[in-house]
Amino acid sequence: MALTAEDQFNLEVLKLLLHVSWVDGAVDQAEANMLLGLGRSWTVPEVALQKLMEAVKAGRKPSEPNWDLLRPRADDVLQAARALVLADGKVQKEEIALLKSVQALLMNG
């Protein structure tokens, strides 16, 4: 089954959020569960979600998101990334640096 444009966008946002979660070198179970739930709430097809989560379960760094698909909706993407960073109530230096990098990639290509 082919992904719709919205499904593909949401999947790329999830990839980015996995990168944000990975800033400390791993995605913990709570983060993985949150991202899985988010993907399901966005109705990303389960097969695509499970494929994305396989890398997380194996402890591998997630693949890079498709920045070209994310740029047209950069504000939405940045809002999601910021919300994830703030979710645990603690913002670390690495997270701030990553958010700046993400913003630069989204805005400047």
Protein backbone atom coordinates (compact mmCIF):
# COMPACT_ATOMS: atom_id res chain seq x y z
CA MET A 1 0.00 0.00 0.00
CA ALA A 2 1.42 3.37 -1.01
CA LEU A 3 1.67 6.07 1.63
CA THR A 4 -0.35 9.23 1.13
CA ALA A 5 1.51 12.55 1.11
CA GLU A 6 0.28 13.21 4.66
CA ASP A 7 1.39 9.75 5.84
CA GLN A 8 4.82 10.32 4.34
CA PHE A 9 5.11 13.75 5.97
CA ASN A 10 4.08 12.33 9.36
CA LEU A 11 6.55 9.47 8.98
CA GLU A 12 9.35 11.95 8.24
CA VAL A 13 8.37 14.00 11.31
CA LEU A 14 8.59 10.81 13.36
CA LYS A 15 12.07 10.15 11.93
CA LEU A 16 13.10 13.63 13.01
CA LEU A 17 11.63 13.12 16.46
CA LEU A 18 13.58 9.88 16.74
CA HIS A 19 16.73 11.87 15.97
CA VAL A 20 15.82 14.32 18.70
CA SER A 21 15.23 11.44 21.12
CA TRP A 22 18.55 9.91 20.07
CA VAL A 23 20.56 13.00 21.08
CA ASP A 24 21.71 11.17 24.22
CA GLY A 25 22.75 8.07 22.24
CA ALA A 26 19.61 6.00 22.69
CA VAL A 27 15.84 6.13 22.52
CA ASP A 28 14.41 4.93 25.82
CA GLN A 29 11.25 2.86 26.06
CA ALA A 30 9.08 5.80 27.19
CA GLU A 31 10.21 7.88 24.19
CA ALA A 32 9.66 4.95 21.81
CA ASN A 33 6.17 4.37 23.21
CA MET A 34 5.32 8.06 22.92
CA LEU A 35 6.49 8.19 19.30
CA LEU A 36 4.64 5.00 18.43
CA GLY A 37 1.47 6.44 19.97
CA LEU A 38 1.98 9.69 18.12
CA GLY A 39 2.36 7.86 14.82
CA ARG A 40 -0.80 5.91 15.49
CA SER A 41 -2.70 9.08 16.42
CA TRP A 42 -1.59 10.52 13.07
CA THR A 43 -2.86 7.31 11.41
CA VAL A 44 0.53 6.46 9.92
CA PRO A 45 0.11 2.92 8.53
CA GLU A 46 1.16 0.33 11.11
CA VAL A 47 3.56 -1.41 8.69
CA ALA A 48 5.50 1.84 8.16
CA LEU A 49 5.51 2.56 11.90
CA GLN A 50 6.80 -0.89 12.79
CA LYS A 51 9.57 -0.64 10.21
CA LEU A 52 10.66 2.67 11.71
CA MET A 53 10.56 1.29 15.24
CA GLU A 54 12.65 -1.79 14.34
CA ALA A 55 15.80 0.32 14.25
CA VAL A 56 14.94 1.75 17.66
CA LYS A 57 14.42 -1.70 19.14
CA ALA A 58 17.75 -2.83 17.67
CA GLY A 59 19.52 0.19 19.21
CA ARG A 60 20.50 1.63 15.83
CA LYS A 61 20.56 5.33 15.10
CA PRO A 62 17.47 6.24 13.09
CA SER A 63 17.81 7.14 9.42
CA GLU A 64 17.86 10.81 8.45
CA PRO A 65 14.48 12.34 7.69
CA ASN A 66 13.74 13.62 4.22
CA TRP A 67 14.38 17.32 4.78
CA ASP A 68 12.82 18.26 1.43
CA LEU A 69 9.48 16.83 2.58
CA LEU A 70 9.71 18.63 5.93
CA ARG A 71 10.73 22.11 4.73
CA PRO A 72 7.34 23.22 3.35
CA ARG A 73 5.87 22.79 6.85
CA ALA A 74 8.93 23.80 8.85
CA ASP A 75 6.90 25.58 11.55
CA ASP A 76 4.86 22.43 12.29
CA VAL A 77 8.02 20.33 12.35
CA LEU A 78 9.85 22.68 14.72
CA GLN A 79 6.83 22.82 17.01
CA ALA A 80 6.79 19.02 17.25
CA ALA A 81 10.55 18.86 17.91
CA ARG A 82 10.36 21.54 20.60
CA ALA A 83 7.43 19.80 22.28
CA LEU A 84 9.40 16.57 22.43
CA VAL A 85 12.42 18.32 23.95
CA LEU A 86 10.23 19.93 26.59
CA ALA A 87 8.23 16.78 27.35
CA ASP A 88 10.47 15.57 30.17
CA GLY A 89 10.72 19.01 31.76
CA LYS A 90 14.50 19.15 31.31
CA VAL A 91 16.27 20.80 28.38
CA GLN A 92 19.87 19.75 27.90
CA LYS A 93 22.65 21.54 26.00
CA GLU A 94 22.70 18.81 23.37
CA GLU A 95 18.97 19.21 22.78
CA ILE A 96 19.31 22.97 22.31
CA ALA A 97 22.16 22.45 19.85
CA LEU A 98 20.16 19.83 17.96
CA LEU A 99 17.11 22.09 17.74
CA LYS A 100 19.28 24.89 16.33
CA SER A 101 20.70 22.46 13.78
CA VAL A 102 17.22 21.24 12.83
CA GLN A 103 16.00 24.81 12.44
CA ALA A 104 18.95 25.65 10.19
CA LEU A 105 18.34 22.58 8.02
CA LEU A 106 14.65 23.36 7.70
CA MET A 107 15.04 27.06 7.00
CA ASN A 108 18.22 27.16 4.95
CA GLY A 109 18.36 23.77 3.31
